[in-house]
Amino acid sequence: MTSPDPTKRSPWSILRENALQILMYILGTILLSLAWWPLGVVYLAYSLFSNVLYMAWICPYCGHYSLGTCAAGFDILSGRRFKTRPGKTFGTEFRRRSWVLYPGWFMPPVAGVYLLFTAFSWITLALLAVFCMVAFWLLPEVSKKHCEACETVDCPRYPKNKKVQPTNVP
């Protein structure tokens, strides 16, 4: 797990934190390119653009972004040029705007299933299986482990405002 201390972040720790998402986008680009090569280019461009929109719409409301401790390095990539607007929180903005990332997750499986029905190949099946494993199993598992140590109180993915259970003291 990466340390939240920004002085301990390095290009390698940021790359490691984003490696599965980068792999997901590469696999998605290949799958969509197999369906129709311009679609792969569009998918890759959309994936990059959707991450910029995520940085603009959601990241400014995360405590790690403003503190410069984002493990994914989004605060560095955006130069912290995106600012918060009063009255909005990370939880509300995440729930409201995270849809921008959904096409990056769901277009490749749709293309893969289409290819399996129209022009079956073992390579397509393998790419689809690896994409689904990375996107829908490995990424959430890695994220869950990272989220457990996070202190963002209003995060909808891993809420911290659970009721504290009193301990039994004799």
Protein backbone atom coordinates (compact mmCIF):
# COMPACT_ATOMS: atom_id res chain seq x y z
CA MET A 1 0.00 0.00 0.00
CA THR A 2 1.31 3.45 -0.80
CA SER A 3 2.03 5.88 1.96
CA PRO A 4 -0.17 8.97 2.12
CA ASP A 5 2.95 11.04 2.81
CA PRO A 6 3.51 13.07 -0.38
CA THR A 7 7.25 13.18 0.24
CA LYS A 8 7.30 9.37 -0.10
CA ARG A 9 5.45 9.38 -3.41
CA SER A 10 7.58 8.75 -6.43
CA PRO A 11 6.81 8.38 -10.11
CA TRP A 12 7.13 4.61 -9.56
CA SER A 13 4.67 4.52 -6.65
CA ILE A 14 2.17 6.56 -8.68
CA LEU A 15 2.67 4.28 -11.70
CA ARG A 16 2.20 1.22 -9.48
CA GLU A 17 -1.01 2.72 -8.06
CA ASN A 18 -2.37 3.27 -11.59
CA ALA A 19 -0.94 0.16 -13.28
CA LEU A 20 -4.15 -1.88 -13.24
CA GLN A 21 -6.21 0.97 -14.64
CA ILE A 22 -3.62 1.57 -17.36
CA LEU A 23 -3.67 -2.17 -18.15
CA MET A 24 -7.48 -2.06 -18.28
CA TYR A 25 -7.37 0.80 -20.79
CA ILE A 26 -4.75 -0.97 -22.94
CA LEU A 27 -6.78 -4.19 -22.99
CA GLY A 28 -9.94 -2.21 -23.75
CA THR A 29 -8.22 -0.42 -26.61
CA ILE A 30 -7.10 -3.74 -28.09
CA LEU A 31 -10.58 -5.29 -27.78
CA LEU A 32 -12.31 -2.31 -29.36
CA SER A 33 -9.66 -2.14 -32.08
CA LEU A 34 -10.39 -5.76 -32.97
CA ALA A 35 -14.03 -4.80 -33.52
CA TRP A 36 -13.11 -1.73 -35.59
CA TRP A 37 -9.71 -0.02 -35.35
CA PRO A 38 -11.02 3.59 -35.13
CA LEU A 39 -13.15 2.54 -32.16
CA GLY A 40 -9.97 1.62 -30.27
CA VAL A 41 -8.55 5.10 -30.88
CA VAL A 42 -11.81 6.71 -29.75
CA TYR A 43 -11.88 4.50 -26.64
CA LEU A 44 -8.32 5.40 -25.68
CA ALA A 45 -9.01 9.12 -26.18
CA TYR A 46 -12.23 8.87 -24.16
CA SER A 47 -10.44 7.00 -21.37
CA LEU A 48 -7.86 9.77 -21.06
CA PHE A 49 -10.51 12.50 -21.33
CA SER A 50 -12.76 10.83 -18.73
CA ASN A 51 -9.89 10.79 -16.24
CA VAL A 52 -9.33 14.51 -16.78
CA LEU A 53 -13.05 15.11 -16.20
CA TYR A 54 -12.85 12.95 -13.06
CA MET A 55 -9.98 15.13 -11.83
CA ALA A 56 -11.99 18.28 -12.56
CA TRP A 57 -15.37 17.14 -11.24
CA ILE A 58 -14.62 14.82 -8.32
CA CYS A 59 -11.01 15.02 -7.14
CA PRO A 60 -11.13 18.61 -5.83
CA TYR A 61 -13.59 17.49 -3.15
CA CYS A 62 -11.34 14.71 -1.83
CA GLY A 63 -9.17 15.58 1.16
CA HIS A 64 -6.17 13.83 -0.41
CA TYR A 65 -6.36 16.09 -3.45
CA SER A 66 -6.20 19.32 -1.47
CA LEU A 67 -3.54 17.97 0.87
CA GLY A 68 -1.39 16.74 -2.01
CA THR A 69 -1.50 13.14 -0.76
CA CYS A 70 -3.42 11.46 -3.59
CA ALA A 71 -1.83 8.04 -4.05
CA ALA A 72 -2.87 8.04 -7.72
CA GLY A 73 -1.07 11.34 -8.25
CA PHE A 74 -4.12 13.10 -9.66
CA ASP A 75 -3.21 16.21 -7.68
CA ILE A 76 0.16 16.27 -9.45
CA LEU A 77 -1.28 15.50 -12.91
CA SER A 78 -3.81 18.31 -12.71
CA GLY A 79 -1.47 20.75 -11.04
CA ARG A 80 -4.31 21.25 -8.56
CA ARG A 81 -5.85 23.60 -11.09
CA PHE A 82 -9.37 22.39 -10.32
CA LYS A 83 -11.00 24.08 -7.32
CA THR A 84 -13.89 23.15 -5.07
CA ARG A 85 -17.20 24.97 -5.13
CA PRO A 86 -18.92 25.77 -1.85
CA GLY A 87 -21.81 23.51 -0.83
CA LYS A 88 -20.47 20.39 -2.55
CA THR A 89 -18.81 17.38 -0.95
CA PHE A 90 -16.74 14.48 -2.20
CA GLY A 91 -19.55 11.99 -1.54
CA THR A 92 -22.18 13.94 -3.47
CA GLU A 93 -19.89 14.73 -6.39
CA PHE A 94 -18.64 11.13 -6.59
CA ARG A 95 -22.20 9.78 -6.69
CA ARG A 96 -23.30 12.45 -9.16
CA ARG A 97 -20.42 12.41 -11.61
CA SER A 98 -18.58 9.10 -11.51
CA TRP A 99 -20.68 8.01 -14.52
CA VAL A 100 -17.99 9.63 -16.66
CA LEU A 101 -15.80 6.56 -16.11
CA TYR A 102 -18.46 3.91 -16.88
CA PRO A 103 -17.93 3.73 -20.68
CA GLY A 104 -14.27 2.90 -20.04
CA TRP A 105 -15.36 -0.12 -18.02
CA PHE A 106 -18.29 -1.36 -20.09
CA MET A 107 -17.49 -0.67 -23.77
CA PRO A 108 -14.74 -3.33 -23.99
CA PRO A 109 -16.87 -6.21 -22.64
CA VAL A 110 -19.70 -5.24 -25.02
CA ALA A 111 -17.24 -5.24 -27.93
CA GLY A 112 -15.71 -8.52 -26.73
CA VAL A 113 -19.08 -10.28 -26.53
CA TYR A 114 -19.99 -8.88 -29.96
CA LEU A 115 -16.73 -10.26 -31.37
CA LEU A 116 -17.26 -13.65 -29.76
CA PHE A 117 -20.64 -13.97 -31.46
CA THR A 118 -19.63 -12.56 -34.86
CA ALA A 119 -16.03 -13.76 -35.27
CA PHE A 120 -15.05 -16.09 -32.45
CA SER A 121 -11.37 -16.35 -31.63
CA TRP A 122 -9.49 -17.67 -28.63
CA ILE A 123 -7.47 -14.46 -28.54
CA THR A 124 -10.63 -12.39 -28.17
CA LEU A 125 -11.90 -14.72 -25.46
CA ALA A 126 -8.58 -14.45 -23.59
CA LEU A 127 -8.50 -10.64 -23.92
CA LEU A 128 -12.08 -10.39 -22.71
CA ALA A 129 -11.39 -12.70 -19.75
CA VAL A 130 -8.26 -10.78 -18.72
CA PHE A 131 -10.03 -7.42 -19.16
CA CYS A 132 -12.93 -8.56 -16.95
CA MET A 133 -10.55 -9.99 -14.34
CA VAL A 134 -8.57 -6.73 -14.18
CA ALA A 135 -11.53 -4.33 -14.34
CA PHE A 136 -14.10 -6.13 -12.24
CA TRP A 137 -12.04 -8.11 -9.76
CA LEU A 138 -8.41 -6.93 -9.35
CA LEU A 139 -9.05 -3.18 -9.51
CA PRO A 140 -11.87 -3.26 -6.93
CA GLU A 141 -9.82 -5.51 -4.63
CA VAL A 142 -6.77 -3.24 -4.77
CA SER A 143 -9.00 -0.20 -4.33
CA LYS A 144 -10.74 -1.78 -1.33
CA LYS A 145 -7.42 -2.38 0.41
CA HIS A 146 -6.38 1.20 -0.28
CA CYS A 147 -9.76 2.55 0.88
CA GLU A 148 -9.58 0.82 4.26
CA ALA A 149 -6.77 3.11 5.37
CA CYS A 150 -8.33 6.26 3.91
CA GLU A 151 -9.66 8.95 6.21
CA THR A 152 -12.11 10.56 3.77
CA VAL A 153 -15.27 10.58 5.88
CA ASP A 154 -17.93 11.07 3.18
CA CYS A 155 -16.63 8.61 0.61
CA PRO A 156 -19.53 6.56 -0.78
CA ARG A 157 -17.26 3.62 -1.64
CA TYR A 158 -16.03 3.01 1.89
CA PRO A 159 -17.99 5.12 4.40
CA LYS A 160 -16.28 5.97 7.69
CA ASN A 161 -19.34 7.27 9.51
CA LYS A 162 -20.31 3.88 10.91
CA LYS A 163 -21.57 3.93 14.47
CA VAL A 164 -18.83 3.28 16.95
CA GLN A 165 -19.59 0.23 19.03
CA PRO A 166 -18.96 0.68 22.76
CA THR A 167 -16.48 -1.74 24.25
CA ASN A 168 -17.43 -3.86 27.24
CA VAL A 169 -15.37 -2.72 30.15
CA PRO A 170 -15.70 -4.84 33.34
